[in-house]
């Protein structure tokens, strides 16, 4: 388990930035140059490029009593991944400078956190999802307090997990599944009644591994 120490109080944001940023890809890096993991359709190799790109935010809320990470539960009405635990985020639109900007905009639209409250720290490796998206995960700090306003057409619920729990590698299970004639590694973990799995869990494992390598 990654030791965060006594991360709380008025210096929480600075402490988290100091500990997390060195493990992340710099915001100055072109997302096109980031390593890619995740799902490959049958017959496609590493050069495969999905038609859709997305930016997702791993929002770390800096509460005075300690840091948490915010997750969303996707609406059951959505055509892809209904009811699954995810990060706020979505497709890069013409108004977005890049995937980082898309992650901040989508977080505002989905859960009501104002962009001025969000400080992106860096990026993780890209991840291709089974639904045809290439996600760029962005780790960002959120200044509290915040009042969440959920867009019910996209998000049915939101919940927080203590950051120390999120970064506990022992809570994640790995299994190999076969899909469309290929074997895929799938991670999952349980938090209360929520099953965090698939791309969301894989991104968290990437974060943990990068922090462990940096330590």
Protein backbone atom coordinates (compact mmCIF):
# COMPACT_ATOMS: atom_id res chain seq x y z
CA UNK A 1 0.00 0.00 0.00
CA UNK A 2 1.32 3.44 -0.93
CA UNK A 3 1.99 5.47 2.20
CA UNK A 4 0.55 8.96 1.96
CA UNK A 5 1.39 9.99 5.47
CA UNK A 6 -0.70 12.59 7.26
CA UNK A 7 -2.12 14.27 4.18
CA UNK A 8 -4.64 16.67 5.61
CA UNK A 9 -5.02 20.28 6.63
CA UNK A 10 -4.24 23.52 4.88
CA UNK A 11 -1.17 22.18 3.01
CA UNK A 12 -3.00 19.16 1.57
CA UNK A 13 -3.16 20.49 -1.99
CA UNK A 14 0.54 21.39 -2.08
CA UNK A 15 1.54 18.05 -0.53
CA UNK A 16 -0.53 16.06 -3.01
CA UNK A 17 0.81 18.04 -5.95
CA UNK A 18 4.39 17.41 -4.78
CA UNK A 19 3.82 13.66 -4.38
CA UNK A 20 1.67 12.96 -7.42
CA UNK A 21 3.03 15.18 -10.20
CA UNK A 22 6.45 13.46 -10.61
CA UNK A 23 4.71 10.14 -11.32
CA UNK A 24 2.50 11.55 -14.09
CA UNK A 25 3.07 12.45 -17.72
CA UNK A 26 3.62 16.20 -17.92
CA UNK A 27 0.80 18.39 -19.18
CA UNK A 28 3.33 19.67 -21.72
CA UNK A 29 3.45 16.25 -23.39
CA UNK A 30 1.34 15.81 -26.53
CA UNK A 31 -1.31 13.18 -25.64
CA UNK A 32 -0.64 11.59 -29.04
CA UNK A 33 2.78 10.55 -27.72
CA UNK A 34 1.51 8.78 -24.60
CA UNK A 35 1.71 4.96 -24.30
CA UNK A 36 -1.53 3.12 -25.09
CA UNK A 37 -3.09 0.16 -23.27
CA UNK A 38 -6.47 -1.49 -23.34
CA UNK A 39 -8.79 -3.23 -25.75
CA UNK A 40 -7.85 -4.12 -29.33
CA UNK A 41 -10.51 -5.25 -31.81
CA UNK A 42 -9.84 -8.57 -33.55
CA UNK A 43 -7.29 -8.19 -36.33
CA UNK A 44 -5.94 -4.88 -35.00
CA UNK A 45 -2.41 -4.40 -33.71
CA UNK A 46 -0.73 -1.66 -31.64
CA UNK A 47 -1.09 0.80 -34.50
CA UNK A 48 -4.90 0.74 -34.16
CA UNK A 49 -6.42 4.20 -33.56
CA UNK A 50 -10.06 4.46 -32.40
CA UNK A 51 -12.31 6.97 -34.09
CA UNK A 52 -13.19 8.74 -30.83
CA UNK A 53 -10.95 10.33 -28.22
CA UNK A 54 -11.99 11.35 -24.73
CA UNK A 55 -10.60 13.09 -21.70
CA UNK A 56 -11.53 11.79 -18.24
CA UNK A 57 -10.69 13.37 -14.91
CA UNK A 58 -9.54 11.55 -11.78
CA UNK A 59 -10.82 14.23 -9.38
CA UNK A 60 -9.01 14.29 -6.03
CA UNK A 61 -11.04 16.36 -3.58
CA UNK A 62 -8.89 18.21 -1.06
CA UNK A 63 -11.05 18.15 2.06
CA UNK A 64 -9.55 19.60 5.27
CA UNK A 65 -9.88 16.17 6.90
CA UNK A 66 -8.18 14.35 4.03
CA UNK A 67 -8.18 13.59 0.32
CA UNK A 68 -10.80 11.55 -1.53
CA UNK A 69 -11.34 10.58 -5.15
CA UNK A 70 -14.69 11.22 -6.80
CA UNK A 71 -16.37 8.57 -8.96
CA UNK A 72 -19.60 8.66 -10.93
CA UNK A 73 -22.16 5.99 -11.76
CA UNK A 74 -23.25 6.18 -15.37
CA UNK A 75 -26.94 6.59 -16.14
CA UNK A 76 -28.82 3.43 -17.07
CA UNK A 77 -30.12 5.33 -20.11
CA UNK A 78 -26.70 5.69 -21.72
CA UNK A 79 -26.00 3.47 -24.76
CA UNK A 80 -22.51 2.46 -23.57
CA UNK A 81 -21.47 1.14 -20.14
CA UNK A 82 -24.85 1.91 -18.47
CA UNK A 83 -24.79 1.73 -14.68
CA UNK A 84 -21.02 1.30 -14.49
CA UNK A 85 -18.66 3.20 -12.20
CA UNK A 86 -16.57 5.69 -14.14
CA UNK A 87 -14.70 8.96 -13.97
CA UNK A 88 -16.34 12.18 -15.16
CA UNK A 89 -15.33 12.88 -18.75
CA UNK A 90 -16.27 12.46 -22.36
CA UNK A 91 -15.48 13.06 -26.00
CA UNK A 92 -13.16 15.83 -27.11
CA UNK A 93 -15.28 18.49 -28.77
CA UNK A 94 -14.34 21.22 -31.23
CA UNK A 95 -14.38 23.73 -28.36
CA UNK A 96 -11.70 21.82 -26.44
CA UNK A 97 -8.02 22.64 -26.82
CA UNK A 98 -7.11 19.05 -25.95
CA UNK A 99 -8.12 16.04 -23.85
CA UNK A 100 -7.18 17.84 -20.62
CA UNK A 101 -9.58 20.66 -21.43
CA UNK A 102 -12.26 18.12 -22.35
CA UNK A 103 -11.89 16.36 -18.99
CA UNK A 104 -12.36 19.63 -17.09
CA UNK A 105 -15.32 20.74 -19.22
CA UNK A 106 -17.06 17.39 -18.97
CA UNK A 107 -16.56 17.29 -15.20
CA UNK A 108 -18.29 20.65 -14.94
CA UNK A 109 -21.15 19.47 -17.14
CA UNK A 110 -21.62 16.07 -15.48
CA UNK A 111 -21.18 16.83 -11.77
CA UNK A 112 -21.17 20.63 -11.53
CA UNK A 113 -17.58 21.23 -10.37
CA UNK A 114 -16.51 24.62 -11.71
CA UNK A 115 -13.31 24.62 -13.81
CA UNK A 116 -11.76 27.22 -11.50
CA UNK A 117 -11.87 24.62 -8.72
CA UNK A 118 -9.85 22.09 -10.76
CA UNK A 119 -6.05 22.02 -11.04
CA UNK A 120 -4.84 19.35 -13.50
CA UNK A 121 -1.52 17.82 -12.39
CA UNK A 122 -0.67 15.47 -15.25
CA UNK A 123 -1.77 12.54 -17.36
CA UNK A 124 -1.67 8.75 -17.20
CA UNK A 125 -1.23 6.33 -20.11
CA UNK A 126 -4.01 6.29 -22.67
CA UNK A 127 -6.54 3.48 -22.50
CA UNK A 128 -8.68 2.07 -25.32
CA UNK A 129 -12.14 0.95 -24.22
CA UNK A 130 -14.32 -1.77 -25.65
CA UNK A 131 -16.84 0.91 -26.70
CA UNK A 132 -14.34 2.46 -29.12
CA UNK A 133 -12.95 5.38 -27.11
CA UNK A 134 -9.32 6.23 -26.52
CA UNK A 135 -9.27 7.80 -23.06
CA UNK A 136 -6.66 10.20 -21.78
CA UNK A 137 -6.89 10.05 -17.97
CA UNK A 138 -6.05 13.35 -16.26
CA UNK A 139 -5.26 13.52 -12.55
CA UNK A 140 -6.51 16.75 -11.01
CA UNK A 141 -6.93 18.36 -7.62
CA UNK A 142 -10.30 19.85 -6.68
CA UNK A 143 -10.53 22.69 -4.20
CA UNK A 144 -13.30 22.17 -1.66
CA UNK A 145 -15.98 22.78 -0.65
CA UNK A 146 -17.93 21.78 -3.76
CA UNK A 147 -21.64 21.27 -4.27
CA UNK A 148 -22.25 18.52 -6.79
CA UNK A 149 -25.00 19.02 -9.36
CA UNK A 150 -25.44 15.83 -11.35
CA UNK A 151 -26.58 15.75 -14.96
CA UNK A 152 -29.14 12.97 -14.62
CA UNK A 153 -29.02 12.19 -18.35
CA UNK A 154 -25.42 11.01 -17.89
CA UNK A 155 -24.85 10.40 -14.18
CA UNK A 156 -27.14 8.56 -11.81
CA UNK A 157 -24.96 8.94 -8.69
CA UNK A 158 -21.57 10.09 -7.42
CA UNK A 159 -19.52 8.86 -4.49
CA UNK A 160 -16.14 9.49 -2.87
CA UNK A 161 -13.48 7.01 -1.78
CA UNK A 162 -10.61 7.96 0.56
CA UNK A 163 -7.49 8.39 -1.55
CA UNK A 164 -5.53 5.99 0.64
CA UNK A 165 -8.12 3.29 -0.15
CA UNK A 166 -7.99 4.05 -3.88
CA UNK A 167 -4.22 3.58 -3.86
CA UNK A 168 -4.26 0.27 -1.97
CA UNK A 169 -3.04 -2.17 -4.64
CA UNK A 170 -4.03 -5.19 -2.54
CA UNK A 171 -7.72 -4.35 -3.05
CA UNK A 172 -7.54 -4.91 -6.82
CA UNK A 173 -8.15 -8.33 -8.32
CA UNK A 174 -6.85 -9.34 -11.75
CA UNK A 175 -8.37 -11.93 -14.04
CA UNK A 176 -7.91 -12.94 -17.65
CA UNK A 177 -11.01 -13.14 -19.82
CA UNK A 178 -11.52 -14.12 -23.44
CA UNK A 179 -13.51 -11.75 -25.62
CA UNK A 180 -13.84 -11.75 -29.41
CA UNK A 181 -11.15 -14.39 -29.71
CA UNK A 182 -8.57 -12.57 -27.59
CA UNK A 183 -7.44 -12.67 -24.02
CA UNK A 184 -7.72 -9.48 -21.99
CA UNK A 185 -6.59 -8.53 -18.49
CA UNK A 186 -9.41 -7.12 -16.38
CA UNK A 187 -9.00 -5.44 -12.99
CA UNK A 188 -11.71 -4.92 -10.41
CA UNK A 189 -12.25 -3.91 -6.81
CA UNK A 190 -15.20 -3.40 -4.51
CA UNK A 191 -15.97 -0.25 -2.54
CA UNK A 192 -19.07 -0.62 -0.38
CA UNK A 193 -21.87 -1.44 -2.84
CA UNK A 194 -19.92 -0.28 -5.89
CA UNK A 195 -17.96 -2.54 -8.22
CA UNK A 196 -15.09 -0.55 -9.75
CA UNK A 197 -13.82 -2.49 -12.73
CA UNK A 198 -12.80 -2.45 -16.38
CA UNK A 199 -11.17 0.67 -17.77
CA UNK A 200 -11.77 2.62 -14.54
CA UNK A 201 -9.92 0.06 -12.42
CA UNK A 202 -7.16 -0.33 -15.03
CA UNK A 203 -6.49 3.41 -14.96
CA UNK A 204 -6.27 3.32 -11.17
CA UNK A 205 -3.81 0.42 -11.29
CA UNK A 206 -1.69 2.45 -13.73
CA UNK A 207 -1.69 5.35 -11.26
CA UNK A 208 -0.69 3.05 -8.38
CA UNK A 209 2.10 1.43 -10.41
CA UNK A 210 3.49 4.81 -11.46
CA UNK A 211 3.45 6.10 -7.89
CA UNK A 212 5.13 2.90 -6.68
CA UNK A 213 7.86 3.19 -9.33
CA UNK A 214 8.45 6.82 -8.38
CA UNK A 215 8.74 6.09 -4.65
